[in-house]
N, C-alpha and C. Protein backbone atom coordinates (compact mmCIF):
# COMPACT_ATOMS: atom_id res chain seq x y z
N MET A 1 0.83 -1.29 0.07
CA MET A 1 0.01 0.08 0.00
C MET A 1 0.82 1.18 0.03
N ILE A 2 0.34 2.33 -0.65
CA ILE A 2 1.18 3.52 -0.61
C ILE A 2 0.25 4.51 0.17
N ASN A 3 0.74 4.85 1.17
CA ASN A 3 0.00 5.69 2.26
C ASN A 3 0.11 7.24 1.84
N ILE A 4 -1.00 7.77 1.68
CA ILE A 4 -1.10 9.32 1.23
C ILE A 4 -1.59 9.99 2.51
N GLU A 5 -0.86 10.64 3.12
CA GLU A 5 -1.47 11.47 4.20
C GLU A 5 -0.94 12.92 4.33
N PRO A 6 -1.65 13.90 4.91
CA PRO A 6 -1.24 15.22 4.88
C PRO A 6 0.26 15.22 5.72
N ALA A 7 1.01 16.11 5.11
CA ALA A 7 2.44 16.30 5.79
C ALA A 7 3.08 17.71 5.16
N LYS A 8 4.17 17.92 5.80
CA LYS A 8 4.95 19.15 5.13
C LYS A 8 6.06 18.68 4.63
N LYS A 9 6.79 19.64 3.86
CA LYS A 9 8.00 19.42 3.04
C LYS A 9 9.07 19.21 4.14
N ASN A 10 10.02 18.47 4.01
CA ASN A 10 11.20 18.35 4.70
C ASN A 10 12.21 19.58 4.46
N GLY A 11 13.23 19.61 5.31
CA GLY A 11 14.15 20.69 5.15
C GLY A 11 14.77 20.56 3.87
N MET A 12 15.02 19.48 3.10
CA MET A 12 15.62 19.40 1.89
C MET A 12 14.58 19.73 0.71
N GLY A 13 13.31 19.96 0.91
CA GLY A 13 12.61 20.44 -0.13
C GLY A 13 12.07 19.20 -1.06
N LYS A 14 12.21 17.95 -0.61
CA LYS A 14 11.86 16.92 -1.40
C LYS A 14 10.44 16.59 -1.28
N LEU A 15 9.93 15.87 -2.45
CA LEU A 15 8.51 15.54 -2.49
C LEU A 15 8.20 14.50 -1.58
N ILE A 16 7.19 14.80 -0.65
CA ILE A 16 6.63 13.74 0.41
C ILE A 16 5.27 13.61 0.15
N ASP A 17 4.71 13.06 1.20
CA ASP A 17 3.31 12.62 0.94
C ASP A 17 2.37 13.39 0.42
N VAL A 18 2.48 14.80 1.02
CA VAL A 18 1.30 15.88 0.71
C VAL A 18 1.61 16.19 -0.80
N ASP A 19 2.74 16.18 -1.21
CA ASP A 19 3.02 16.44 -2.69
C ASP A 19 2.48 15.37 -3.58
N LEU A 20 2.66 14.00 -3.03
CA LEU A 20 2.20 12.83 -3.82
C LEU A 20 0.59 12.97 -3.92
N ALA A 21 0.11 13.19 -2.69
CA ALA A 21 -1.59 13.30 -2.64
C ALA A 21 -2.05 14.19 -3.58
N ASN A 22 -1.32 15.42 -3.66
CA ASN A 22 -1.88 16.52 -4.63
C ASN A 22 -1.70 16.09 -6.04
N LEU A 23 -0.55 15.51 -6.20
CA LEU A 23 -0.20 14.95 -7.76
C LEU A 23 -1.19 13.98 -8.32
N VAL A 24 -1.48 12.84 -7.30
CA VAL A 24 -2.52 11.84 -7.71
C VAL A 24 -3.91 12.42 -7.97
N SER A 25 -4.28 13.41 -7.03
CA SER A 25 -5.63 14.09 -7.16
C SER A 25 -5.49 14.79 -8.49
N LYS A 26 -4.53 15.53 -8.90
CA LYS A 26 -4.47 16.24 -10.25
C LYS A 26 -4.52 15.28 -11.29
N ARG A 27 -3.90 14.04 -11.22
CA ARG A 27 -3.85 13.04 -12.31
C ARG A 27 -5.20 12.50 -12.50
N ILE A 28 -6.09 12.35 -11.42
CA ILE A 28 -7.52 11.82 -11.51
C ILE A 28 -8.42 12.86 -12.38
N LEU A 29 -8.23 14.08 -11.87
CA LEU A 29 -8.91 15.00 -12.78
C LEU A 29 -8.40 15.26 -14.20
N GLU A 30 -7.31 15.00 -14.30
CA GLU A 30 -6.68 15.13 -15.82
C GLU A 30 -7.33 13.93 -16.58
N ILE A 31 -7.17 12.77 -16.13
CA ILE A 31 -7.66 11.48 -16.80
C ILE A 31 -9.22 11.72 -17.10
N CYS A 32 -10.02 12.32 -16.15
CA CYS A 32 -11.34 12.54 -16.34
C CYS A 32 -11.71 13.46 -17.51
N ALA A 33 -10.95 14.66 -17.42
CA ALA A 33 -11.01 15.76 -18.53
C ALA A 33 -10.54 15.09 -19.83
N LEU A 34 -9.52 14.42 -19.78
CA LEU A 34 -8.99 13.87 -21.29
C LEU A 34 -9.85 12.77 -21.84
N THR A 35 -10.61 11.93 -20.91
CA THR A 35 -11.51 10.76 -21.49
C THR A 35 -12.78 11.26 -21.47
N GLU A 36 -13.25 12.43 -20.95
CA GLU A 36 -14.63 12.84 -20.80
C GLU A 36 -15.41 11.87 -19.86
N LEU A 37 -14.79 11.34 -19.07
CA LEU A 37 -15.47 10.31 -18.12
C LEU A 37 -15.90 10.97 -16.80
N SER A 38 -16.95 10.97 -16.31
CA SER A 38 -17.23 11.33 -14.92
C SER A 38 -16.45 10.47 -14.00
N LEU A 39 -16.37 10.92 -12.63
CA LEU A 39 -15.70 10.01 -11.62
C LEU A 39 -16.42 8.74 -11.40
N ASP A 40 -17.74 8.79 -11.46
CA ASP A 40 -18.38 7.28 -11.30
C ASP A 40 -18.05 6.48 -12.52
N ARG A 41 -18.14 7.11 -13.75
CA ARG A 41 -17.87 6.12 -15.04
C ARG A 41 -16.45 5.76 -15.07
N LEU A 42 -15.45 6.58 -14.52
CA LEU A 42 -14.18 6.28 -14.45
C LEU A 42 -13.99 4.99 -13.45
N ALA A 43 -14.80 4.95 -12.32
CA ALA A 43 -14.67 3.91 -11.59
C ALA A 43 -15.15 2.48 -12.14
N ILE A 44 -16.34 2.65 -12.68
CA ILE A 44 -16.89 1.43 -13.45
C ILE A 44 -15.88 0.92 -14.59
N PHE A 45 -15.25 1.90 -15.35
CA PHE A 45 -14.23 1.52 -16.62
C PHE A 45 -12.99 0.90 -16.10
N THR A 46 -12.37 1.44 -14.98
CA THR A 46 -11.33 0.93 -14.41
C THR A 46 -11.14 -0.14 -13.32
N GLY A 47 -12.46 -0.28 -12.72
CA GLY A 47 -12.57 -1.29 -11.76
C GLY A 47 -12.00 -0.89 -10.43
N VAL A 48 -11.66 0.42 -10.34
CA VAL A 48 -11.48 1.05 -9.01
C VAL A 48 -12.57 1.76 -8.35
N SER A 49 -13.02 1.38 -7.27
CA SER A 49 -14.35 1.77 -6.75
C SER A 49 -14.42 3.33 -6.60
N TYR A 50 -15.91 3.72 -6.67
CA TYR A 50 -15.97 5.13 -6.73
C TYR A 50 -15.53 5.90 -5.33
N SER A 51 -15.81 5.09 -4.20
CA SER A 51 -15.36 5.80 -3.11
C SER A 51 -13.99 6.09 -2.95
N THR A 52 -13.00 5.17 -3.61
CA THR A 52 -11.52 5.21 -3.60
C THR A 52 -11.26 6.27 -4.47
N LEU A 53 -11.79 6.49 -5.67
CA LEU A 53 -11.57 7.54 -6.57
C LEU A 53 -11.83 8.92 -6.11
N ARG A 54 -12.96 9.05 -5.27
CA ARG A 54 -13.46 10.26 -4.64
C ARG A 54 -12.58 10.61 -3.56
N SER A 55 -12.00 9.66 -2.69
CA SER A 55 -11.03 9.91 -1.70
C SER A 55 -9.71 10.44 -2.45
N ILE A 56 -9.35 9.76 -3.37
CA ILE A 56 -7.88 10.19 -4.04
C ILE A 56 -8.14 11.61 -4.52
N SER A 57 -9.26 11.92 -5.22
CA SER A 57 -9.46 13.21 -5.92
C SER A 57 -9.56 14.48 -4.66
N LYS A 58 -9.73 13.80 -3.45
CA LYS A 58 -9.52 14.98 -2.34
C LYS A 58 -8.26 14.98 -1.56
N ALA A 59 -7.35 14.15 -2.39
CA ALA A 59 -6.00 13.96 -1.88
C ALA A 59 -5.67 13.54 -0.53
N SER A 60 -6.39 12.57 -0.16
CA SER A 60 -6.22 11.68 1.12
C SER A 60 -6.61 10.35 0.95
N LEU A 61 -5.58 9.47 0.97
CA LEU A 61 -6.02 7.95 0.85
C LEU A 61 -4.91 7.12 0.89
N SER A 62 -5.19 5.74 1.49
CA SER A 62 -4.05 4.84 1.46
C SER A 62 -4.54 4.06 0.09
N ILE A 63 -3.70 3.93 -0.79
CA ILE A 63 -4.01 3.31 -2.18
C ILE A 63 -2.86 2.29 -2.51
N SER A 64 -3.34 1.19 -3.06
CA SER A 64 -2.43 0.01 -3.60
C SER A 64 -1.89 0.31 -4.78
N LEU A 65 -0.73 -0.16 -4.99
CA LEU A 65 -0.06 -0.21 -6.45
C LEU A 65 -1.07 -0.83 -7.48
N ASP A 66 -1.89 -1.76 -7.10
CA ASP A 66 -2.87 -2.47 -8.02
C ASP A 66 -3.79 -1.42 -8.48
N SER A 67 -4.22 -0.55 -7.54
CA SER A 67 -5.22 0.52 -8.00
C SER A 67 -4.57 1.66 -8.88
N PHE A 68 -3.28 1.94 -8.69
CA PHE A 68 -2.70 2.67 -9.65
C PHE A 68 -2.49 2.08 -11.06
N ALA A 69 -2.21 0.88 -11.03
CA ALA A 69 -1.95 -0.01 -12.35
C ALA A 69 -3.43 0.01 -13.13
N ARG A 70 -4.47 -0.29 -12.39
CA ARG A 70 -5.95 -0.14 -12.77
C ARG A 70 -6.33 1.23 -13.63
N LEU A 71 -5.62 2.24 -12.86
CA LEU A 71 -6.01 3.58 -13.38
C LEU A 71 -5.16 3.85 -14.67
N CYS A 72 -3.91 3.41 -14.68
CA CYS A 72 -2.94 3.67 -15.71
C CYS A 72 -3.15 2.84 -16.94
N SER A 73 -3.23 1.40 -16.70
CA SER A 73 -3.19 0.44 -17.81
C SER A 73 -4.28 0.64 -19.01
N PRO A 74 -5.39 0.76 -18.82
CA PRO A 74 -6.48 1.03 -19.71
C PRO A 74 -6.21 2.11 -20.67
N PHE A 75 -5.67 3.11 -20.10
CA PHE A 75 -5.09 4.33 -20.97
C PHE A 75 -3.87 4.42 -21.50
N LYS A 76 -3.14 3.40 -21.22
CA LYS A 76 -1.75 3.18 -21.59
C LYS A 76 -0.78 4.32 -21.14
N ILE A 77 -0.99 4.61 -19.90
CA ILE A 77 -0.12 5.58 -19.16
C ILE A 77 0.87 4.88 -18.29
N ALA A 78 2.07 5.26 -18.63
CA ALA A 78 3.30 4.67 -18.00
C ALA A 78 3.22 5.24 -16.47
N LEU A 79 3.53 4.29 -15.56
CA LEU A 79 3.59 4.71 -14.09
C LEU A 79 4.53 5.87 -13.90
N SER A 80 5.68 5.74 -14.74
CA SER A 80 6.68 6.69 -14.59
C SER A 80 6.15 8.15 -14.94
N ASP A 81 5.27 8.16 -16.01
CA ASP A 81 4.61 9.47 -16.37
C ASP A 81 3.60 10.01 -15.44
N PHE A 82 3.00 8.98 -14.82
CA PHE A 82 1.92 9.28 -13.82
C PHE A 82 2.31 9.90 -12.71
N PHE A 83 3.54 9.61 -12.19
CA PHE A 83 4.11 10.26 -10.93
C PHE A 83 5.35 11.19 -11.35
N ASP A 84 5.51 11.58 -12.51
CA ASP A 84 6.25 12.57 -12.89
C ASP A 84 5.44 14.15 -12.80
N PRO A 85 5.89 14.75 -11.85
CA PRO A 85 4.90 16.21 -11.79
C PRO A 85 5.28 17.08 -12.88
N GLN A 86 6.36 16.82 -13.64
CA GLN A 86 6.65 17.85 -14.91
C GLN A 86 5.92 17.35 -16.11
N LYS A 87 5.47 15.97 -16.02
CA LYS A 87 4.95 15.41 -17.24
C LYS A 87 3.35 15.94 -17.48
N VAL A 88 3.00 16.16 -18.72
CA VAL A 88 1.58 16.57 -19.01
C VAL A 88 1.11 15.19 -19.57
N LEU A 89 0.09 14.71 -19.00
CA LEU A 89 -0.45 13.44 -19.50
C LEU A 89 -1.31 13.70 -20.92
N SER A 90 -1.19 12.63 -21.64
CA SER A 90 -1.88 12.64 -23.20
C SER A 90 -2.43 11.19 -23.12
N ILE A 91 -3.57 11.13 -23.66
CA ILE A 91 -4.45 9.84 -23.67
C ILE A 91 -4.95 9.84 -25.22
N ASP A 92 -4.38 8.86 -26.09
CA ASP A 92 -5.09 8.76 -27.40
C ASP A 92 -6.31 8.02 -27.45
N CYS A 93 -7.63 8.68 -27.05
CA CYS A 93 -8.77 8.10 -26.87
C CYS A 93 -9.36 7.46 -28.18
N LYS A 94 -8.99 7.78 -29.28
CA LYS A 94 -9.52 7.44 -30.45
C LYS A 94 -9.06 5.99 -30.80
N ASN A 95 -7.80 5.62 -30.22
CA ASN A 95 -7.24 4.44 -30.55
C ASN A 95 -7.20 3.51 -29.36
N LEU A 96 -8.07 3.70 -28.28
CA LEU A 96 -8.60 3.00 -27.14
C LEU A 96 -9.78 2.21 -27.33
N GLU A 97 -9.71 1.10 -28.06
CA GLU A 97 -10.89 0.23 -28.39
C GLU A 97 -11.87 0.05 -27.23
N GLU A 98 -11.36 -0.43 -26.05
CA GLU A 98 -12.32 -0.71 -24.97
C GLU A 98 -12.89 0.71 -24.47
N LEU A 99 -12.20 1.73 -24.44
CA LEU A 99 -12.92 3.15 -23.92
C LEU A 99 -14.03 3.40 -24.93
N SER A 100 -13.73 3.22 -26.32
CA SER A 100 -14.72 3.66 -27.23
C SER A 100 -15.98 2.82 -27.15
N LEU A 101 -15.68 1.45 -26.78
CA LEU A 101 -16.82 0.52 -26.72
C LEU A 101 -17.60 0.90 -25.33
N PHE A 102 -16.91 1.16 -24.34
CA PHE A 102 -17.61 1.56 -23.13
C PHE A 102 -18.42 2.79 -23.29
N LYS A 103 -17.95 3.79 -23.87
CA LYS A 103 -18.82 4.94 -24.14
C LYS A 103 -20.06 4.83 -24.90
N LYS A 104 -19.85 3.99 -25.88
CA LYS A 104 -21.15 3.50 -26.96
C LYS A 104 -21.94 2.68 -26.26
N GLU A 105 -21.57 1.75 -25.51
CA GLU A 105 -22.46 0.94 -24.86
C GLU A 105 -23.12 1.69 -23.59
N SER A 106 -22.54 2.49 -23.02
CA SER A 106 -23.27 3.12 -21.84
C SER A 106 -23.97 4.21 -22.12
N SER A 107 -24.18 4.42 -23.52
CA SER A 107 -25.09 5.58 -23.89
C SER A 107 -26.57 5.34 -23.67
N PRO A 108 -27.38 6.34 -23.31
CA PRO A 108 -28.82 5.92 -23.11
C PRO A 108 -29.65 5.34 -24.35
N LEU A 109 -29.15 5.71 -25.59
CA LEU A 109 -29.86 5.23 -26.58
C LEU A 109 -29.36 3.58 -26.64
N ARG A 110 -28.28 3.17 -26.44
CA ARG A 110 -27.88 1.78 -26.46
C ARG A 110 -28.65 0.96 -25.32
N LYS A 111 -28.77 1.61 -24.27
CA LYS A 111 -29.65 1.05 -23.12
C LYS A 111 -30.94 0.82 -23.50
N GLN A 112 -31.44 1.60 -24.27
CA GLN A 112 -32.94 1.52 -24.81
C GLN A 112 -33.18 0.42 -25.68
N GLN A 113 -32.08 0.23 -26.58
CA GLN A 113 -31.85 -0.71 -27.56
C GLN A 113 -31.79 -2.21 -26.84
N ARG A 114 -30.85 -2.28 -26.03
CA ARG A 114 -30.74 -3.57 -25.31
C ARG A 114 -31.81 -4.07 -24.66
N ASP A 115 -32.65 -3.11 -24.14
CA ASP A 115 -33.95 -3.46 -23.26
C ASP A 115 -34.85 -4.06 -24.26
N ILE A 116 -34.96 -3.47 -25.37
CA ILE A 116 -35.76 -4.19 -26.49
C ILE A 116 -35.39 -5.56 -26.94
N ILE A 117 -33.97 -5.66 -27.11
CA ILE A 117 -33.55 -6.91 -27.36
C ILE A 117 -33.61 -7.92 -26.38
N SER A 118 -33.53 -7.57 -25.12
CA SER A 118 -33.77 -8.56 -23.94
C SER A 118 -35.13 -8.99 -23.98
N LYS A 119 -36.21 -8.23 -24.19
CA LYS A 119 -37.47 -8.55 -24.15
C LYS A 119 -37.68 -9.47 -25.18
N LYS A 120 -37.08 -9.41 -26.56
CA LYS A 120 -37.37 -10.22 -27.59
C LYS A 120 -36.59 -11.51 -27.29
N LEU A 121 -35.62 -11.73 -26.70
CA LEU A 121 -34.87 -12.83 -26.25
C LEU A 121 -35.51 -13.68 -25.33
N LEU A 122 -36.24 -13.00 -24.17
CA LEU A 122 -37.06 -13.69 -23.36
C LEU A 122 -38.26 -14.56 -23.92
N LYS A 123 -38.77 -13.82 -24.91
CA LYS A 123 -39.85 -14.38 -25.62
C LYS A 123 -39.55 -15.67 -26.32
N LYS A 124 -38.27 -15.79 -26.92
CA LYS A 124 -37.88 -16.97 -27.66
C LYS A 124 -37.36 -18.11 -26.75
N GLY A 125 -37.27 -17.79 -25.37
CA GLY A 125 -36.93 -18.79 -24.41
C GLY A 125 -35.61 -18.80 -23.80
N VAL A 126 -35.45 -19.80 -22.96
CA VAL A 126 -34.17 -19.82 -22.11
C VAL A 126 -32.98 -20.10 -22.94
N ASN A 127 -33.05 -20.98 -23.94
CA ASN A 127 -31.84 -21.27 -24.98
C ASN A 127 -31.36 -19.97 -25.60
N ALA A 128 -32.34 -19.23 -25.90
CA ALA A 128 -31.91 -17.99 -26.69
C ALA A 128 -31.16 -17.08 -25.76
N VAL A 129 -31.61 -16.98 -24.51
CA VAL A 129 -30.93 -16.07 -23.49
C VAL A 129 -29.39 -16.62 -23.19
N LEU A 130 -29.48 -17.85 -23.10
CA LEU A 130 -28.16 -18.46 -22.84
C LEU A 130 -27.24 -18.29 -23.96
N LYS A 131 -27.58 -18.53 -25.07
CA LYS A 131 -26.77 -18.33 -26.17
C LYS A 131 -26.30 -16.82 -26.27
N HIS A 132 -27.22 -15.94 -26.05
CA HIS A 132 -26.88 -14.46 -26.05
C HIS A 132 -25.66 -14.17 -25.11
N GLU A 133 -25.81 -14.92 -23.70
CA GLU A 133 -24.84 -14.66 -22.79
C GLU A 133 -23.31 -15.24 -23.40
N ARG A 134 -23.49 -16.35 -23.98
CA ARG A 134 -22.28 -17.18 -24.40
C ARG A 134 -21.58 -16.02 -25.56
N ASP A 135 -22.43 -15.67 -26.33
CA ASP A 135 -21.88 -14.61 -27.52
C ASP A 135 -21.46 -13.38 -26.92
N PHE A 136 -21.88 -12.88 -25.94
CA PHE A 136 -21.61 -11.76 -25.50
C PHE A 136 -20.22 -11.88 -24.67
N LEU A 137 -20.17 -12.90 -23.74
CA LEU A 137 -18.63 -13.26 -23.33
C LEU A 137 -17.64 -13.45 -24.28
N ALA A 138 -17.90 -14.22 -25.29
CA ALA A 138 -16.99 -14.40 -26.38
C ALA A 138 -16.48 -13.17 -26.94
N GLN A 139 -17.51 -12.16 -27.26
CA GLN A 139 -16.99 -10.96 -27.67
C GLN A 139 -16.10 -10.10 -26.75
N MET A 140 -16.41 -10.14 -25.35
CA MET A 140 -15.66 -9.53 -24.53
C MET A 140 -14.19 -10.01 -24.43
N ILE A 141 -14.10 -11.27 -24.66
CA ILE A 141 -12.89 -12.12 -24.52
C ILE A 141 -12.11 -11.86 -25.93
N TYR A 142 -12.71 -11.86 -27.07
CA TYR A 142 -11.89 -11.82 -28.24
C TYR A 142 -11.85 -10.38 -28.97
N ALA A 143 -12.87 -9.62 -28.70
CA ALA A 143 -12.74 -8.35 -29.31
C ALA A 143 -12.59 -7.16 -28.47
N THR A 144 -12.25 -7.19 -27.41
CA THR A 144 -12.17 -6.23 -26.39
C THR A 144 -10.65 -6.38 -25.52
N GLU A 145 -10.37 -5.40 -24.76
CA GLU A 145 -9.19 -5.66 -23.83
C GLU A 145 -9.70 -5.62 -22.40
N TYR A 146 -10.99 -6.09 -22.15
CA TYR A 146 -11.49 -6.09 -20.92
C TYR A 146 -10.63 -7.10 -20.06
N PHE A 147 -10.22 -8.12 -20.57
CA PHE A 147 -9.68 -9.15 -19.53
C PHE A 147 -8.23 -9.01 -19.64
N SER A 148 -7.60 -7.77 -20.08
CA SER A 148 -6.26 -7.51 -19.87
C SER A 148 -5.85 -7.18 -18.48
N VAL A 149 -6.97 -6.92 -17.83
CA VAL A 149 -6.89 -6.62 -16.40
C VAL A 149 -7.66 -7.81 -15.55
N ALA A 150 -6.92 -8.41 -14.51
CA ALA A 150 -7.49 -9.60 -13.83
C ALA A 150 -8.77 -9.09 -13.04
N ARG A 151 -9.68 -9.98 -13.22
CA ARG A 151 -10.84 -9.58 -12.42
C ARG A 151 -11.56 -10.73 -11.81
N THR A 152 -12.43 -10.65 -10.69
CA THR A 152 -13.16 -11.79 -10.30
C THR A 152 -14.54 -11.94 -10.97
N VAL A 153 -15.22 -12.93 -10.83
CA VAL A 153 -16.52 -13.05 -11.65
C VAL A 153 -17.47 -12.04 -10.92
N GLU A 154 -17.36 -11.60 -9.64
CA GLU A 154 -18.32 -10.70 -9.11
C GLU A 154 -18.17 -9.33 -9.73
N GLN A 155 -16.90 -9.13 -9.94
CA GLN A 155 -16.38 -7.82 -10.64
C GLN A 155 -17.00 -7.80 -12.16
N MET A 156 -16.87 -8.86 -12.81
CA MET A 156 -17.39 -9.03 -14.01
C MET A 156 -18.85 -9.05 -14.13
N SER A 157 -19.69 -9.56 -13.18
CA SER A 157 -21.17 -9.51 -13.08
C SER A 157 -21.51 -8.08 -12.77
N ALA A 158 -20.85 -7.29 -11.98
CA ALA A 158 -21.22 -5.95 -11.69
C ALA A 158 -20.99 -5.03 -13.06
N ASP A 159 -19.69 -5.25 -13.69
CA ASP A 159 -19.41 -4.53 -14.73
C ASP A 159 -20.34 -4.75 -16.00
N PHE A 160 -20.70 -5.93 -16.13
CA PHE A 160 -21.58 -6.29 -17.54
C PHE A 160 -22.82 -5.71 -17.25
N GLU A 161 -23.34 -5.52 -16.22
CA GLU A 161 -24.64 -5.00 -15.91
C GLU A 161 -24.71 -3.46 -15.95
N THR A 162 -23.67 -2.85 -15.44
CA THR A 162 -23.68 -1.60 -15.41
C THR A 162 -23.08 -0.93 -16.76
N MET A 163 -21.97 -1.47 -17.40
CA MET A 163 -21.60 -1.08 -18.79
C MET A 163 -22.28 -1.59 -19.90
N HIS A 164 -22.89 -2.68 -19.89
CA HIS A 164 -23.63 -3.34 -20.93
C HIS A 164 -25.13 -3.59 -20.87
N GLN A 165 -25.67 -3.49 -19.49
CA GLN A 165 -26.93 -3.63 -19.25
C GLN A 165 -27.33 -5.21 -19.43
N ILE A 166 -26.38 -6.12 -19.27
CA ILE A 166 -26.57 -7.60 -19.42
C ILE A 166 -26.44 -8.11 -18.10
N VAL A 167 -27.49 -8.95 -17.49
CA VAL A 167 -27.32 -9.54 -16.35
C VAL A 167 -26.89 -10.98 -16.32
N ILE A 168 -25.74 -11.20 -15.80
CA ILE A 168 -25.08 -12.60 -15.78
C ILE A 168 -24.60 -12.88 -14.54
N SER A 169 -25.09 -13.87 -13.74
CA SER A 169 -24.76 -14.10 -12.36
C SER A 169 -23.32 -14.54 -12.30
N PRO A 170 -22.74 -14.25 -11.19
CA PRO A 170 -21.17 -14.83 -11.03
C PRO A 170 -21.12 -16.52 -11.21
N GLY A 171 -22.07 -17.06 -10.67
CA GLY A 171 -22.09 -18.46 -10.91
C GLY A 171 -21.99 -19.02 -12.35
N ARG A 172 -23.04 -18.32 -13.11
CA ARG A 172 -23.10 -18.62 -14.66
C ARG A 172 -21.67 -18.12 -15.33
N LEU A 173 -21.16 -17.13 -14.95
CA LEU A 173 -19.83 -16.66 -15.48
C LEU A 173 -18.82 -17.66 -15.10
N SER A 174 -18.71 -18.31 -14.05
CA SER A 174 -17.72 -19.21 -13.60
C SER A 174 -17.85 -20.50 -14.52
N ILE A 175 -18.99 -20.94 -14.81
CA ILE A 175 -19.17 -22.03 -15.69
C ILE A 175 -18.86 -21.74 -17.07
N MET A 176 -19.20 -20.61 -17.65
CA MET A 176 -18.96 -20.23 -18.93
C MET A 176 -17.26 -20.12 -19.13
N LEU A 177 -16.63 -19.58 -18.07
CA LEU A 177 -15.32 -19.19 -18.18
C LEU A 177 -14.39 -20.37 -18.18
N LYS A 178 -15.02 -21.53 -17.65
CA LYS A 178 -14.07 -22.94 -17.74
C LYS A 178 -13.71 -23.21 -18.91
N LYS A 179 -14.42 -22.95 -20.15
CA LYS A 179 -14.18 -23.22 -21.48
C LYS A 179 -12.86 -22.52 -21.77
N TYR A 180 -12.73 -21.29 -21.62
CA TYR A 180 -11.65 -20.52 -22.09
C TYR A 180 -10.32 -20.68 -21.26
N VAL A 181 -10.48 -21.16 -19.89
CA VAL A 181 -9.39 -21.46 -19.24
C VAL A 181 -8.92 -22.76 -19.60
N GLY A 182 -9.69 -23.68 -19.99
CA GLY A 182 -9.34 -25.04 -20.63
C GLY A 182 -8.62 -24.87 -21.99
N GLN A 183 -9.07 -24.00 -22.69
CA GLN A 183 -8.42 -23.70 -24.17
C GLN A 183 -7.14 -22.90 -23.92
N GLU A 184 -6.82 -22.45 -22.67
CA GLU A 184 -5.72 -21.58 -22.35
C GLU A 184 -5.65 -20.16 -22.91
N ILE A 185 -6.86 -19.68 -23.30
CA ILE A 185 -7.13 -18.43 -23.70
C ILE A 185 -7.09 -17.52 -22.34
N LEU A 186 -7.64 -17.88 -21.41
CA LEU A 186 -7.55 -17.06 -20.03
C LEU A 186 -6.95 -17.91 -19.12
N GLU A 187 -6.34 -17.29 -18.05
CA GLU A 187 -5.87 -18.02 -16.89
C GLU A 187 -6.64 -17.57 -15.73
N LYS A 188 -6.51 -18.39 -14.76
CA LYS A 188 -7.28 -18.37 -13.66
C LYS A 188 -6.35 -18.55 -12.48
N LYS A 189 -6.34 -17.42 -11.60
CA LYS A 189 -5.36 -17.38 -10.44
C LYS A 189 -6.04 -17.31 -9.17
N ILE A 190 -5.73 -18.02 -8.16
CA ILE A 190 -6.35 -17.84 -6.86
C ILE A 190 -5.88 -16.53 -6.11
N ILE A 191 -6.71 -15.98 -5.39
CA ILE A 191 -6.35 -14.78 -4.69
C ILE A 191 -5.97 -15.09 -3.36
N PRO A 192 -4.59 -14.57 -2.98
CA PRO A 192 -4.29 -14.93 -1.65
C PRO A 192 -5.17 -14.62 -0.65
N LYS A 193 -5.09 -15.34 0.61
CA LYS A 193 -6.19 -15.26 1.42
C LYS A 193 -6.04 -13.74 2.11
N ALA A 194 -4.83 -13.18 2.41
CA ALA A 194 -4.75 -11.85 2.89
C ALA A 194 -5.32 -10.84 1.97
N GLU A 195 -5.47 -11.09 0.65
CA GLU A 195 -5.93 -9.97 -0.37
C GLU A 195 -7.46 -10.27 -0.68
N ARG A 196 -8.21 -11.18 0.07
CA ARG A 196 -9.34 -11.36 -0.51
C ARG A 196 -10.45 -10.47 0.26
N LYS A 197 -11.57 -10.10 -0.53
CA LYS A 197 -12.59 -9.34 0.01
C LYS A 197 -13.67 -10.15 0.42
N GLN A 198 -14.64 -9.72 1.20
CA GLN A 198 -15.72 -10.37 1.61
C GLN A 198 -16.50 -11.20 0.46
N THR A 199 -16.64 -10.46 -0.59
CA THR A 199 -17.32 -11.01 -1.78
C THR A 199 -16.63 -12.01 -2.56
N ASP A 200 -15.23 -12.29 -2.21
CA ASP A 200 -14.48 -13.18 -2.91
C ASP A 200 -14.46 -14.60 -2.25
N LYS A 201 -14.98 -14.63 -1.03
CA LYS A 201 -14.88 -16.02 -0.27
C LYS A 201 -15.36 -17.24 -1.10
N SER A 202 -16.51 -17.16 -1.71
CA SER A 202 -17.16 -18.33 -2.55
C SER A 202 -16.42 -18.68 -3.78
N ARG A 203 -15.73 -17.57 -4.45
CA ARG A 203 -15.09 -17.82 -5.66
C ARG A 203 -13.84 -16.97 -5.73
N PRO A 204 -12.84 -17.46 -4.93
CA PRO A 204 -11.49 -16.42 -4.65
C PRO A 204 -10.51 -16.60 -5.75
N TYR A 205 -11.08 -16.18 -7.03
CA TYR A 205 -10.18 -16.39 -8.22
C TYR A 205 -10.21 -15.20 -9.23
N LEU A 206 -8.98 -14.92 -9.88
CA LEU A 206 -8.98 -13.72 -10.93
C LEU A 206 -8.64 -14.49 -12.09
N TYR A 207 -9.52 -13.84 -13.20
CA TYR A 207 -9.35 -14.31 -14.62
C TYR A 207 -8.69 -13.07 -15.40
N SER A 208 -7.98 -13.54 -16.31
CA SER A 208 -7.45 -12.51 -17.16
C SER A 208 -6.81 -13.17 -18.43
N LYS A 209 -6.41 -12.46 -19.68
CA LYS A 209 -6.12 -13.15 -20.82
C LYS A 209 -4.63 -13.49 -20.54
N LYS A 210 -4.39 -14.82 -21.05
CA LYS A 210 -3.02 -15.39 -20.94
C LYS A 210 -2.01 -14.71 -21.80
N GLY A 211 -0.77 -14.78 -21.15
CA GLY A 211 0.31 -14.21 -21.70
C GLY A 211 0.50 -12.48 -21.60
């Protein structure tokens, strides 16, 4: 964990915690401005909780290196650039496929279209719904960078409902993901006990693209 707490500069004038806190707060606002994402949508897209981002933006929080990686990786920001106070961040949004998909899929019009599709699928029966879920997961694995970041099935279930308005239970996702783990397209790693959250107890695994 990187502890960010209010502090003063030392006699040498070196960067210490208060400077780091202010820098990280500035970076969050920069990322929001460059990507045109609100803080809550940034939380959904990166997998860093909204409460964590809100605290970071107020320049006071203990934050893990994993959270920094989650913030930087989707936007192809080098950690060295993120922590360089002289560096002006730049994000090539047009060439970030996952970001473009996220913005498109989370628009009000797309939600309305998906609601119509869902009603049609339900009329066709359970098999049509299950096939739609399988096709959706395959698209997320093969056509996006979503699985470039390791996630639990609970995170996936929440993300898919929020980002794409498709409800797939964690249990159902676990079953479908077995195929891709078996084919070595995805890898499944157990979460160390010390790092598990309350929601991870029944399925303490992270899934991500192999290699």
